[in-house]
Amino acid sequence: MAGTVKPPVFTPFGTEGPTVFLSTDGNPPSHAGDGDFKVGDWIINTVPTASGVSHWVCTAGGTGATATFNAVATAA
């Protein structure tokens, strides 16, 4: 099995891969305001609460609040 498992190859953020944004007020992406979001982009919640949302992942691209995001909950 040695040699058959290879490390992933990452595209640098902001070039062709996803972009990471920060939410400093803990608001969900619907409050993200202007901006272009594409599938795979992340918005990291910099002020998460216990059992709250740690980040959101874009599942349908769009401009501003038209993009769709899935919330990822933190561990309790």
C-alpha atoms as a PDB file:
ATOM      1  CA  MET A   1       0.000   0.000   0.000  1.00  0.00           C
ATOM      2  CA  ALA A   2       2.949   2.323   0.471  1.00  0.00           C
ATOM      3  CA  GLY A   3       3.198   4.771  -2.374  1.00  0.00           C
ATOM      4  CA  THR A   4      -0.490   4.559  -3.349  1.00  0.00           C
ATOM      5  CA  VAL A   5      -1.651   7.294  -0.992  1.00  0.00           C
ATOM      6  CA  LYS A   6      -0.652  10.784  -2.054  1.00  0.00           C
ATOM      7  CA  PRO A   7      -1.094  14.098  -0.257  1.00  0.00           C
ATOM      8  CA  PRO A   8      -3.737  16.472  -1.638  1.00  0.00           C
ATOM      9  CA  VAL A   9      -2.772  19.249  -3.999  1.00  0.00           C
ATOM     10  CA  PHE A  10      -4.153  22.642  -2.974  1.00  0.00           C
ATOM     11  CA  THR A  11      -4.780  25.605  -5.227  1.00  0.00           C
ATOM     12  CA  PRO A  12      -3.794  28.871  -3.513  1.00  0.00           C
ATOM     13  CA  PHE A  13      -6.697  30.805  -2.015  1.00  0.00           C
ATOM     14  CA  GLY A  14      -8.004  33.620  -4.156  1.00  0.00           C
ATOM     15  CA  THR A  15      -6.544  32.297  -7.415  1.00  0.00           C
ATOM     16  CA  GLU A  16      -8.761  29.449  -8.562  1.00  0.00           C
ATOM     17  CA  GLY A  17      -9.596  27.871  -5.232  1.00  0.00           C
ATOM     18  CA  PRO A  18     -11.989  28.988  -2.532  1.00  0.00           C
ATOM     19  CA  THR A  19     -11.635  32.283  -0.706  1.00  0.00           C
ATOM     20  CA  VAL A  20     -11.888  32.594   3.086  1.00  0.00           C
ATOM     21  CA  PHE A  21     -13.784  35.550   4.543  1.00  0.00           C
ATOM     22  CA  LEU A  22     -14.125  36.535   8.208  1.00  0.00           C
ATOM     23  CA  SER A  23     -17.338  37.420  10.055  1.00  0.00           C
ATOM     24  CA  THR A  24     -16.227  39.488  13.015  1.00  0.00           C
ATOM     25  CA  ASP A  25     -19.763  40.053  14.308  1.00  0.00           C
ATOM     26  CA  GLY A  26     -21.016  36.449  14.206  1.00  0.00           C
ATOM     27  CA  ASN A  27     -23.694  37.234  11.642  1.00  0.00           C
ATOM     28  CA  PRO A  28     -24.659  34.634   9.066  1.00  0.00           C
ATOM     29  CA  PRO A  29     -23.785  35.128   5.391  1.00  0.00           C
ATOM     30  CA  SER A  30     -27.172  36.695   4.628  1.00  0.00           C
ATOM     31  CA  HIS A  31     -25.699  39.793   6.308  1.00  0.00           C
ATOM     32  CA  ALA A  32     -22.439  39.544   4.366  1.00  0.00           C
ATOM     33  CA  GLY A  33     -23.243  42.581   2.241  1.00  0.00           C
ATOM     34  CA  ASP A  34     -21.667  43.156  -1.127  1.00  0.00           C
ATOM     35  CA  GLY A  35     -19.289  40.654  -2.573  1.00  0.00           C
ATOM     36  CA  ASP A  36     -19.077  37.820  -5.033  1.00  0.00           C
ATOM     37  CA  PHE A  37     -19.163  34.369  -3.475  1.00  0.00           C
ATOM     38  CA  LYS A  38     -18.458  31.124  -5.307  1.00  0.00           C
ATOM     39  CA  VAL A  39     -19.077  27.506  -4.392  1.00  0.00           C
ATOM     40  CA  GLY A  40     -16.528  26.386  -1.811  1.00  0.00           C
ATOM     41  CA  ASP A  41     -15.910  29.837  -0.290  1.00  0.00           C
ATOM     42  CA  TRP A  42     -15.868  29.952   3.503  1.00  0.00           C
ATOM     43  CA  ILE A  43     -16.995  32.606   5.960  1.00  0.00           C
ATOM     44  CA  ILE A  44     -15.354  31.951   9.320  1.00  0.00           C
ATOM     45  CA  ASN A  45     -17.175  33.095  12.454  1.00  0.00           C
ATOM     46  CA  THR A  46     -14.463  34.748  14.561  1.00  0.00           C
ATOM     47  CA  VAL A  47     -16.779  34.938  17.600  1.00  0.00           C
ATOM     48  CA  PRO A  48     -18.414  31.468  17.793  1.00  0.00           C
ATOM     49  CA  THR A  49     -20.397  30.395  20.831  1.00  0.00           C
ATOM     50  CA  ALA A  50     -20.614  26.941  22.396  1.00  0.00           C
ATOM     51  CA  SER A  51     -22.717  24.724  20.119  1.00  0.00           C
ATOM     52  CA  GLY A  52     -22.926  27.638  17.680  1.00  0.00           C
ATOM     53  CA  VAL A  53     -21.724  28.076  14.116  1.00  0.00           C
ATOM     54  CA  SER A  54     -17.973  27.938  13.476  1.00  0.00           C
ATOM     55  CA  HIS A  55     -18.184  28.750   9.757  1.00  0.00           C
ATOM     56  CA  TRP A  56     -20.388  28.754   6.678  1.00  0.00           C
ATOM     57  CA  VAL A  57     -19.567  27.110   3.325  1.00  0.00           C
ATOM     58  CA  CYS A  58     -20.941  28.500   0.065  1.00  0.00           C
ATOM     59  CA  THR A  59     -23.046  25.886  -1.773  1.00  0.00           C
ATOM     60  CA  ALA A  60     -24.451  28.161  -4.514  1.00  0.00           C
ATOM     61  CA  GLY A  61     -22.537  31.189  -5.727  1.00  0.00           C
ATOM     62  CA  GLY A  62     -23.965  34.658  -5.997  1.00  0.00           C
ATOM     63  CA  THR A  63     -23.505  38.323  -5.247  1.00  0.00           C
ATOM     64  CA  GLY A  64     -24.158  39.606  -1.735  1.00  0.00           C
ATOM     65  CA  ALA A  65     -27.058  37.911   0.032  1.00  0.00           C
ATOM     66  CA  THR A  66     -28.073  35.893  -3.075  1.00  0.00           C
ATOM     67  CA  ALA A  67     -25.395  33.264  -2.405  1.00  0.00           C
ATOM     68  CA  THR A  68     -26.409  30.134  -0.458  1.00  0.00           C
ATOM     69  CA  PHE A  69     -24.377  28.936   2.528  1.00  0.00           C
ATOM     70  CA  ASN A  70     -24.492  25.882   4.802  1.00  0.00           C
ATOM     71  CA  ALA A  71     -23.678  26.434   8.466  1.00  0.00           C
ATOM     72  CA  VAL A  72     -21.156  24.161  10.195  1.00  0.00           C
ATOM     73  CA  ALA A  73     -21.787  23.796  13.936  1.00  0.00           C
ATOM     74  CA  THR A  74     -19.033  23.793  16.534  1.00  0.00           C
ATOM     75  CA  ALA A  75     -18.580  20.905  18.921  1.00  0.00           C
ATOM     76  CA  ALA A  76     -20.414  21.204  22.224  1.00  0.00           C
END
